[in-house]
Amino acid sequence: MFHKVRQQFLSVEEALSTHCIPVTPEVAKASGSPQLDISHVSHGEGVKMAGNAMSLPCVGAMLLCAVMGLTK
């Protein structure tokens, strides 16, 4: 009846990518900025650097909702 779902945490690369930080060659090339070298960063340090890893579209949606609620 209930399906067991395997919980998976974000890798350092994935967590930093949610903040639009260029950590992959593809994203760095697309954004025209140098790639951030995170090869020496441990998983614990990377998680601290990314914080809660709230994605940019999520922040944009929150701001849009706040702006739509403003009245003159």
Protein backbone atom coordinates (compact mmCIF):
# COMPACT_ATOMS: atom_id res chain seq x y z
CA MET A 1 0.00 0.00 0.00
CA PHE A 2 2.68 2.52 0.99
CA HIS A 3 5.71 2.92 -1.20
CA LYS A 4 9.05 3.49 0.42
CA VAL A 5 10.79 6.49 -1.10
CA ARG A 6 14.53 6.78 -0.87
CA GLN A 7 15.50 10.13 0.58
CA GLN A 8 18.27 11.82 -1.33
CA PHE A 9 20.04 14.97 -0.27
CA LEU A 10 21.45 17.51 -2.70
CA SER A 11 25.10 17.26 -3.60
CA VAL A 12 27.27 20.35 -3.14
CA GLU A 13 27.17 20.96 -6.90
CA GLU A 14 23.36 20.71 -7.00
CA ALA A 15 22.88 22.94 -3.95
CA LEU A 16 25.11 25.69 -5.32
CA SER A 17 23.52 25.38 -8.77
CA THR A 18 20.12 26.25 -7.29
CA HIS A 19 21.59 29.68 -6.49
CA CYS A 20 22.68 30.10 -10.13
CA ILE A 21 26.36 29.74 -9.20
CA PRO A 22 28.33 28.41 -12.20
CA VAL A 23 29.79 25.14 -10.86
CA THR A 24 29.49 23.16 -14.11
CA PRO A 25 31.22 23.91 -17.41
CA GLU A 26 27.88 24.13 -19.22
CA VAL A 27 26.42 26.75 -16.88
CA ALA A 28 29.67 28.73 -16.82
CA LYS A 29 29.75 28.82 -20.62
CA ALA A 30 26.08 29.80 -20.87
CA SER A 31 26.45 32.60 -18.32
CA GLY A 32 29.78 33.83 -19.69
CA SER A 33 31.45 33.64 -16.29
CA PRO A 34 34.28 31.48 -14.96
CA GLN A 35 33.45 28.13 -13.40
CA LEU A 36 33.70 27.96 -9.61
CA ASP A 37 36.17 25.26 -8.57
CA ILE A 38 34.52 23.30 -5.76
CA SER A 39 36.79 20.23 -5.97
CA HIS A 40 38.46 21.05 -2.65
CA VAL A 41 35.19 21.77 -0.79
CA SER A 42 33.95 19.05 1.56
CA HIS A 43 30.28 18.11 1.63
CA GLY A 44 29.76 19.79 5.02
CA GLU A 45 31.41 23.03 3.91
CA GLY A 46 29.44 23.04 0.66
CA VAL A 47 26.15 22.61 2.49
CA LYS A 48 27.01 25.53 4.76
CA MET A 49 27.92 27.67 1.73
CA ALA A 50 24.63 26.90 0.00
CA GLY A 51 22.54 27.57 3.09
CA ASN A 52 19.00 26.28 2.74
CA ALA A 53 19.44 26.11 -1.05
CA MET A 54 16.19 27.93 -1.82
CA SER A 55 16.11 28.13 -5.57
CA LEU A 56 16.04 31.38 -7.48
CA PRO A 57 12.63 30.70 -9.10
CA CYS A 58 11.18 30.07 -5.63
CA VAL A 59 12.45 33.45 -4.40
CA GLY A 60 11.09 35.09 -7.56
CA ALA A 61 7.67 33.54 -6.97
CA MET A 62 7.63 34.85 -3.41
CA LEU A 63 8.55 38.35 -4.57
CA LEU A 64 5.89 38.24 -7.30
CA CYS A 65 3.25 37.30 -4.74
CA ALA A 66 4.37 40.14 -2.48
CA VAL A 67 4.26 42.69 -5.33
CA MET A 68 0.82 41.50 -6.47
CA GLY A 69 -0.47 42.09 -2.94
CA LEU A 70 0.53 45.76 -2.97
CA THR A 71 -2.20 48.32 -3.50
CA LYS A 72 -2.13 52.05 -4.08
